[in-house]
């Protein structure tokens, strides 16, 4: 189950720092004293929201790519498993046939 989580986490982690860096100045400021400071904080918040929107779109694109790659890998693994099952069943059938031939040869002596 963790197989799909690690690539998704690797796709998201590089952007967490950008998001925190964009939002940190807004949340670490002292309370506003006048209207101009409030306007400046509003402008910074709007800028942070826009940057977060861009980052979220990029993350969504990367997540979509990751999910598509995971689906492809799952399909390949399923095909390999099917092939292995067929080979195992064939080997079992041949071994039973060889055992029957050996038993018949032993009884024919």
N, C-alpha and C. Protein backbone atom coordinates (compact mmCIF):
# COMPACT_ATOMS: atom_id res chain seq x y z
N UNK A 1 0.82 -1.19 0.00
CA UNK A 1 0.00 0.00 0.00
C UNK A 1 0.86 1.25 0.00
N UNK A 2 2.03 1.18 0.58
CA UNK A 2 2.91 2.35 0.64
C UNK A 2 3.58 2.61 -0.70
N UNK A 3 3.48 1.68 -1.63
CA UNK A 3 4.12 1.84 -2.93
C UNK A 3 3.61 3.05 -3.71
N UNK A 4 2.38 3.37 -3.61
CA UNK A 4 1.84 4.53 -4.33
C UNK A 4 2.06 5.81 -3.55
N UNK A 5 2.24 5.69 -2.24
CA UNK A 5 2.33 6.87 -1.40
C UNK A 5 3.67 7.58 -1.54
N UNK A 6 4.73 6.84 -1.71
CA UNK A 6 6.06 7.44 -1.76
C UNK A 6 6.24 8.33 -2.99
N UNK A 7 5.86 7.91 -4.22
CA UNK A 7 5.99 8.83 -5.35
C UNK A 7 5.12 10.07 -5.22
N UNK A 8 3.93 9.89 -4.65
CA UNK A 8 3.06 11.05 -4.46
C UNK A 8 3.68 12.02 -3.46
N UNK A 9 4.26 11.48 -2.40
CA UNK A 9 4.91 12.31 -1.39
C UNK A 9 6.11 13.03 -1.98
N UNK A 10 6.87 12.34 -2.83
CA UNK A 10 8.02 12.96 -3.48
C UNK A 10 7.59 14.08 -4.41
N UNK A 11 6.42 13.96 -5.01
CA UNK A 11 5.93 15.01 -5.90
C UNK A 11 5.46 16.23 -5.12
N UNK A 12 4.97 16.03 -3.91
CA UNK A 12 4.39 17.13 -3.13
C UNK A 12 5.44 17.85 -2.28
N UNK A 13 6.38 17.12 -1.72
CA UNK A 13 7.32 17.69 -0.76
C UNK A 13 8.12 18.89 -1.27
N UNK A 14 8.58 18.93 -2.51
CA UNK A 14 9.35 20.10 -2.94
C UNK A 14 8.57 21.41 -2.89
N UNK A 15 7.27 21.35 -2.90
CA UNK A 15 6.47 22.57 -2.95
C UNK A 15 5.98 23.03 -1.58
N UNK A 16 6.12 22.20 -0.58
CA UNK A 16 5.66 22.57 0.76
C UNK A 16 6.43 23.78 1.27
N UNK A 17 7.73 23.82 1.03
CA UNK A 17 8.54 24.96 1.47
C UNK A 17 8.11 26.26 0.82
N UNK A 18 7.77 26.22 -0.47
CA UNK A 18 7.30 27.41 -1.16
C UNK A 18 5.99 27.92 -0.57
N UNK A 19 5.11 27.00 -0.27
CA UNK A 19 3.81 27.38 0.29
C UNK A 19 4.00 28.01 1.67
N UNK A 20 4.82 27.38 2.49
CA UNK A 20 5.06 27.91 3.83
C UNK A 20 5.78 29.25 3.75
N UNK A 21 6.76 29.37 2.85
CA UNK A 21 7.50 30.63 2.72
C UNK A 21 6.59 31.76 2.25
N UNK A 22 5.62 31.46 1.40
CA UNK A 22 4.71 32.49 0.91
C UNK A 22 3.72 32.91 1.99
N UNK A 23 3.31 31.98 2.83
CA UNK A 23 2.30 32.29 3.84
C UNK A 23 2.91 32.79 5.15
N UNK A 24 4.15 32.49 5.43
CA UNK A 24 4.76 32.82 6.71
C UNK A 24 4.77 34.32 7.02
N UNK A 25 5.14 35.21 6.09
CA UNK A 25 5.16 36.63 6.43
C UNK A 25 3.78 37.16 6.85
N UNK A 26 2.75 36.60 6.30
CA UNK A 26 1.40 37.06 6.62
C UNK A 26 1.04 36.73 8.06
N UNK A 27 1.44 35.56 8.51
CA UNK A 27 1.03 35.11 9.83
C UNK A 27 2.00 35.51 10.94
N UNK A 28 3.16 36.04 10.59
CA UNK A 28 4.12 36.42 11.62
C UNK A 28 4.14 37.92 11.88
N UNK A 29 3.35 38.68 11.20
CA UNK A 29 3.32 40.13 11.39
C UNK A 29 2.55 40.49 12.66
N UNK A 30 2.89 41.65 13.19
CA UNK A 30 2.17 42.15 14.36
C UNK A 30 0.81 42.68 13.91
N UNK A 31 -0.13 42.81 14.85
CA UNK A 31 -1.45 43.34 14.48
C UNK A 31 -1.33 44.75 13.86
N UNK A 32 -2.24 45.01 12.94
CA UNK A 32 -2.20 46.27 12.19
C UNK A 32 -2.49 47.47 13.09
N UNK A 33 -1.77 48.56 12.85
CA UNK A 33 -1.96 49.79 13.61
C UNK A 33 -2.80 50.81 12.84
N UNK A 34 -2.68 50.80 11.55
CA UNK A 34 -3.45 51.77 10.75
C UNK A 34 -3.98 51.09 9.49
N UNK A 35 -4.71 51.86 8.71
CA UNK A 35 -5.36 51.33 7.50
C UNK A 35 -4.37 50.91 6.44
N UNK A 36 -3.23 51.60 6.31
CA UNK A 36 -2.27 51.25 5.27
C UNK A 36 -1.63 49.88 5.54
N UNK A 37 -1.40 49.57 6.80
CA UNK A 37 -0.82 48.28 7.15
C UNK A 37 -1.82 47.17 6.85
N UNK A 38 -3.09 47.44 7.13
CA UNK A 38 -4.14 46.46 6.84
C UNK A 38 -4.21 46.23 5.34
N UNK A 39 -4.15 47.29 4.56
CA UNK A 39 -4.18 47.15 3.10
C UNK A 39 -2.97 46.37 2.60
N UNK A 40 -1.82 46.64 3.21
CA UNK A 40 -0.61 45.92 2.82
C UNK A 40 -0.75 44.43 3.15
N UNK A 41 -1.30 44.12 4.32
CA UNK A 41 -1.50 42.72 4.69
C UNK A 41 -2.50 42.04 3.77
N UNK A 42 -3.54 42.76 3.39
CA UNK A 42 -4.53 42.20 2.46
C UNK A 42 -3.87 41.91 1.12
N UNK A 43 -3.03 42.82 0.66
CA UNK A 43 -2.33 42.61 -0.61
C UNK A 43 -1.40 41.41 -0.52
N UNK A 44 -0.72 41.26 0.62
CA UNK A 44 0.17 40.11 0.81
C UNK A 44 -0.62 38.81 0.85
N UNK A 45 -1.76 38.84 1.51
CA UNK A 45 -2.62 37.64 1.55
C UNK A 45 -3.11 37.27 0.16
N UNK A 46 -3.52 38.27 -0.61
CA UNK A 46 -3.97 38.00 -1.96
C UNK A 46 -2.84 37.42 -2.81
N UNK A 47 -1.65 37.97 -2.63
CA UNK A 47 -0.50 37.44 -3.35
C UNK A 47 -0.21 36.00 -2.95
N UNK A 48 -0.29 35.73 -1.65
CA UNK A 48 -0.06 34.36 -1.17
C UNK A 48 -1.11 33.40 -1.71
N UNK A 49 -2.36 33.86 -1.77
CA UNK A 49 -3.44 33.01 -2.29
C UNK A 49 -3.21 32.72 -3.76
N UNK A 50 -2.82 33.71 -4.53
CA UNK A 50 -2.55 33.50 -5.95
C UNK A 50 -1.38 32.51 -6.14
N UNK A 51 -0.33 32.68 -5.35
CA UNK A 51 0.81 31.78 -5.45
C UNK A 51 0.41 30.36 -5.05
N UNK A 52 -0.41 30.24 -4.01
CA UNK A 52 -0.89 28.92 -3.60
C UNK A 52 -1.72 28.28 -4.70
N UNK A 53 -2.53 29.08 -5.38
CA UNK A 53 -3.33 28.56 -6.49
C UNK A 53 -2.45 28.00 -7.60
N UNK A 54 -1.40 28.72 -7.92
CA UNK A 54 -0.46 28.25 -8.94
C UNK A 54 0.21 26.96 -8.48
N UNK A 55 0.65 26.93 -7.21
CA UNK A 55 1.31 25.73 -6.69
C UNK A 55 0.36 24.54 -6.66
N UNK A 56 -0.89 24.78 -6.31
CA UNK A 56 -1.87 23.69 -6.26
C UNK A 56 -2.13 23.14 -7.65
N UNK A 57 -2.21 24.02 -8.65
CA UNK A 57 -2.40 23.54 -10.02
C UNK A 57 -1.21 22.70 -10.47
N UNK A 58 -0.01 23.13 -10.13
CA UNK A 58 1.18 22.36 -10.49
C UNK A 58 1.19 21.02 -9.78
N UNK A 59 0.83 21.02 -8.50
CA UNK A 59 0.76 19.76 -7.75
C UNK A 59 -0.30 18.83 -8.33
N UNK A 60 -1.42 19.39 -8.73
CA UNK A 60 -2.48 18.57 -9.32
C UNK A 60 -2.00 17.92 -10.62
N UNK A 61 -1.26 18.68 -11.41
CA UNK A 61 -0.72 18.13 -12.65
C UNK A 61 0.27 17.01 -12.36
N UNK A 62 1.14 17.23 -11.40
CA UNK A 62 2.11 16.20 -11.04
C UNK A 62 1.42 14.97 -10.45
N UNK A 63 0.39 15.20 -9.65
CA UNK A 63 -0.35 14.08 -9.07
C UNK A 63 -1.05 13.28 -10.16
N UNK A 64 -1.60 13.97 -11.14
CA UNK A 64 -2.27 13.30 -12.24
C UNK A 64 -1.26 12.44 -13.01
N UNK A 65 -0.07 12.97 -13.23
CA UNK A 65 0.98 12.21 -13.91
C UNK A 65 1.38 10.99 -13.09
N UNK A 66 1.50 11.19 -11.78
CA UNK A 66 1.88 10.09 -10.89
C UNK A 66 0.81 9.01 -10.89
N UNK A 67 -0.44 9.40 -10.83
CA UNK A 67 -1.53 8.42 -10.83
C UNK A 67 -1.55 7.65 -12.14
N UNK A 68 -1.35 8.34 -13.25
CA UNK A 68 -1.31 7.66 -14.55
C UNK A 68 -0.15 6.66 -14.60
N UNK A 69 1.01 7.05 -14.07
CA UNK A 69 2.15 6.13 -14.04
C UNK A 69 1.86 4.93 -13.14
N UNK A 70 1.20 5.17 -12.02
CA UNK A 70 0.85 4.07 -11.12
C UNK A 70 -0.15 3.11 -11.77
N UNK A 71 -1.10 3.66 -12.50
CA UNK A 71 -2.07 2.81 -13.20
C UNK A 71 -1.37 1.96 -14.25
N UNK A 72 -0.43 2.57 -14.98
CA UNK A 72 0.32 1.83 -15.99
C UNK A 72 1.15 0.72 -15.33
N UNK A 73 1.80 1.04 -14.22
CA UNK A 73 2.60 0.05 -13.51
C UNK A 73 1.72 -1.09 -12.98
N UNK A 74 0.53 -0.75 -12.51
CA UNK A 74 -0.40 -1.78 -12.01
C UNK A 74 -0.84 -2.70 -13.15
N UNK A 75 -1.10 -2.13 -14.31
CA UNK A 75 -1.50 -2.94 -15.47
C UNK A 75 -0.36 -3.86 -15.89
N UNK A 76 0.85 -3.35 -15.89
CA UNK A 76 2.01 -4.17 -16.24
C UNK A 76 2.21 -5.29 -15.22
N UNK A 77 2.09 -4.96 -13.94
CA UNK A 77 2.24 -5.97 -12.90
C UNK A 77 1.16 -7.04 -13.01
N UNK A 78 -0.05 -6.63 -13.35
CA UNK A 78 -1.14 -7.59 -13.50
C UNK A 78 -0.87 -8.52 -14.67
N UNK A 79 -0.36 -7.99 -15.77
CA UNK A 79 -0.03 -8.82 -16.93
C UNK A 79 1.09 -9.79 -16.59
N UNK A 80 2.09 -9.32 -15.85
CA UNK A 80 3.19 -10.20 -15.44
C UNK A 80 2.69 -11.30 -14.51
N UNK A 81 1.79 -10.97 -13.61
CA UNK A 81 1.23 -11.96 -12.69
C UNK A 81 0.43 -13.01 -13.47
N UNK A 82 -0.35 -12.56 -14.44
CA UNK A 82 -1.15 -13.47 -15.25
C UNK A 82 -0.21 -14.43 -16.00
N UNK A 83 0.87 -13.89 -16.56
CA UNK A 83 1.84 -14.71 -17.29
C UNK A 83 2.50 -15.72 -16.34
N UNK A 84 2.84 -15.29 -15.14
CA UNK A 84 3.46 -16.19 -14.17
C UNK A 84 2.50 -17.31 -13.76
N UNK A 85 1.23 -16.97 -13.60
CA UNK A 85 0.24 -17.99 -13.24
C UNK A 85 0.10 -19.03 -14.36
N UNK A 86 0.09 -18.56 -15.61
CA UNK A 86 -0.01 -19.48 -16.75
C UNK A 86 1.20 -20.39 -16.80
N UNK A 87 2.38 -19.82 -16.61
CA UNK A 87 3.60 -20.63 -16.62
C UNK A 87 3.61 -21.64 -15.48
N UNK A 88 3.16 -21.22 -14.30
CA UNK A 88 3.10 -22.13 -13.15
C UNK A 88 2.11 -23.27 -13.41
N UNK A 89 0.97 -22.96 -13.98
CA UNK A 89 -0.03 -23.99 -14.28
C UNK A 89 0.51 -24.94 -15.34
N UNK A 90 1.21 -24.41 -16.34
CA UNK A 90 1.80 -25.27 -17.37
C UNK A 90 2.86 -26.19 -16.77
N UNK A 91 3.69 -25.62 -15.90
CA UNK A 91 4.72 -26.43 -15.24
C UNK A 91 4.10 -27.52 -14.39
N UNK A 92 3.02 -27.19 -13.70
CA UNK A 92 2.33 -28.19 -12.88
C UNK A 92 1.77 -29.30 -13.77
N UNK A 93 1.15 -28.91 -14.87
CA UNK A 93 0.60 -29.91 -15.79
C UNK A 93 1.68 -30.81 -16.37
N UNK A 94 2.79 -30.22 -16.79
CA UNK A 94 3.89 -31.03 -17.33
C UNK A 94 4.49 -31.95 -16.27
N UNK A 95 4.59 -31.47 -15.05
CA UNK A 95 5.15 -32.33 -13.99
C UNK A 95 4.21 -33.49 -13.68
N UNK A 96 2.92 -33.26 -13.69
CA UNK A 96 1.96 -34.35 -13.47
C UNK A 96 2.04 -35.34 -14.62
N UNK A 97 2.17 -34.85 -15.84
CA UNK A 97 2.30 -35.72 -17.00
C UNK A 97 3.59 -36.54 -16.91
N UNK A 98 4.70 -35.90 -16.52
CA UNK A 98 5.97 -36.61 -16.39
C UNK A 98 5.88 -37.65 -15.29
N UNK A 99 5.22 -37.33 -14.21
CA UNK A 99 5.04 -38.30 -13.12
C UNK A 99 4.22 -39.49 -13.60
N UNK A 100 3.18 -39.23 -14.38
CA UNK A 100 2.35 -40.32 -14.90
C UNK A 100 3.15 -41.20 -15.85
N UNK A 101 3.96 -40.60 -16.72
CA UNK A 101 4.78 -41.38 -17.65
C UNK A 101 5.81 -42.20 -16.88
N UNK A 102 6.43 -41.61 -15.87
CA UNK A 102 7.41 -42.33 -15.07
C UNK A 102 6.76 -43.49 -14.32
N UNK A 103 5.58 -43.26 -13.79
CA UNK A 103 4.86 -44.32 -13.07
C UNK A 103 4.48 -45.43 -14.03
N UNK A 104 4.02 -45.07 -15.23
CA UNK A 104 3.66 -46.10 -16.22
C UNK A 104 4.89 -46.89 -16.63
N UNK A 105 6.03 -46.22 -16.81
CA UNK A 105 7.25 -46.93 -17.19
C UNK A 105 7.71 -47.85 -16.07
N UNK A 106 7.53 -47.41 -14.84
CA UNK A 106 7.92 -48.24 -13.69
C UNK A 106 7.05 -49.47 -13.58
N UNK A 107 5.75 -49.31 -13.82
CA UNK A 107 4.82 -50.45 -13.74
C UNK A 107 4.97 -51.38 -14.93
N UNK A 108 5.45 -50.91 -16.06
CA UNK A 108 5.57 -51.73 -17.26
C UNK A 108 6.79 -52.63 -17.17
N UNK A 109 7.70 -52.42 -16.33
CA UNK A 109 8.91 -53.25 -16.21
C UNK A 109 8.61 -54.60 -15.77
